[in-house]
Amino acid sequence: MENTNGGEVEAPKKAGVRRGLMQHEIFEQATRLFAERGFAGTSFQDIADAVGLTRPALYHYVKSKDDLLAKLVAEVTVVAATDIAEVAQRTELSATERIRDIVRLMVRHQGEQGERFRLLLRSEADLPDSVAGSYAENRRAVLRSLTEVIEQGVAHGEFRPVTPTVAAFGTLGIVNWVAWWYHPGSQFDLDAICAELAEQAVHSLAAEQGRPASATPLDAVHSIRREIDRLEGLLKEA
């Protein structure tokens, strides 16, 4: 009797594990096909063939290509936007430290999930409206986080008097090609890439050593005037 009861309990558990494994395999194969052929160029039948299921059987696990793509967008962009926002809000850290940590985080995301990032970039024009809205909002959230940290860095004199939004786009530009040229197992070490690109981002923003950054354009004008006055004084002494 005990064996029978145990079997009754164990059977649904095993079925749940099998279903989870199959859903994972479907997701991985769909991601690969979307990356290779684009979202529009991949059919539901292509996904069924890749996992060894019939098309009707595939419907037991997923409703549509759109559902698979929505899960992909959520897994890549929502997680990234949330993690970046958490770092950006750590005001106990300097703006320099937060930019460094954010860039490291973004580079690692792209390095570890390169195929998924490439898929999203290649399929932007084909994203269904429901998925495109979420994708765009998460990208805006990342841009906002970066812009806010850069604004704070300028205000505190850590960064040069840059235009924060433009500088944020520039920082994203440092990161966004990683998914295309880095591949796990290549000659490049991901930890080293994270560190190097983070330092490049910080260096592109940092105020010149020995000279505080100006918080506003007017401060920059005053700084230039002081330099001119100093030079005039030196010329008079010469």
Foldseek 3Di string as FASTA:
>chain_A
DVVVVVCVVVVVVVVVVVLVVLLVLLLVQLLQCCLVQNLVRDALCNSCVSSVHGSVVVCVNPPGSLRSVLVLLCVQLVVLLVVLLVLLPPVVDALLVSLLVNLLSLQVSCQVPLSSLSSCVVHQVPRPPVSNVSNVVSVVSNLVSQLVSLLRCLQVQFFAQDNSSVLSVVLVVLRSCSSVPHHPPDPDDSNVVSNVSSVVSSVVTGDDPPDGHHSDVVSVVVVVVVVVVVVVVVVVVD
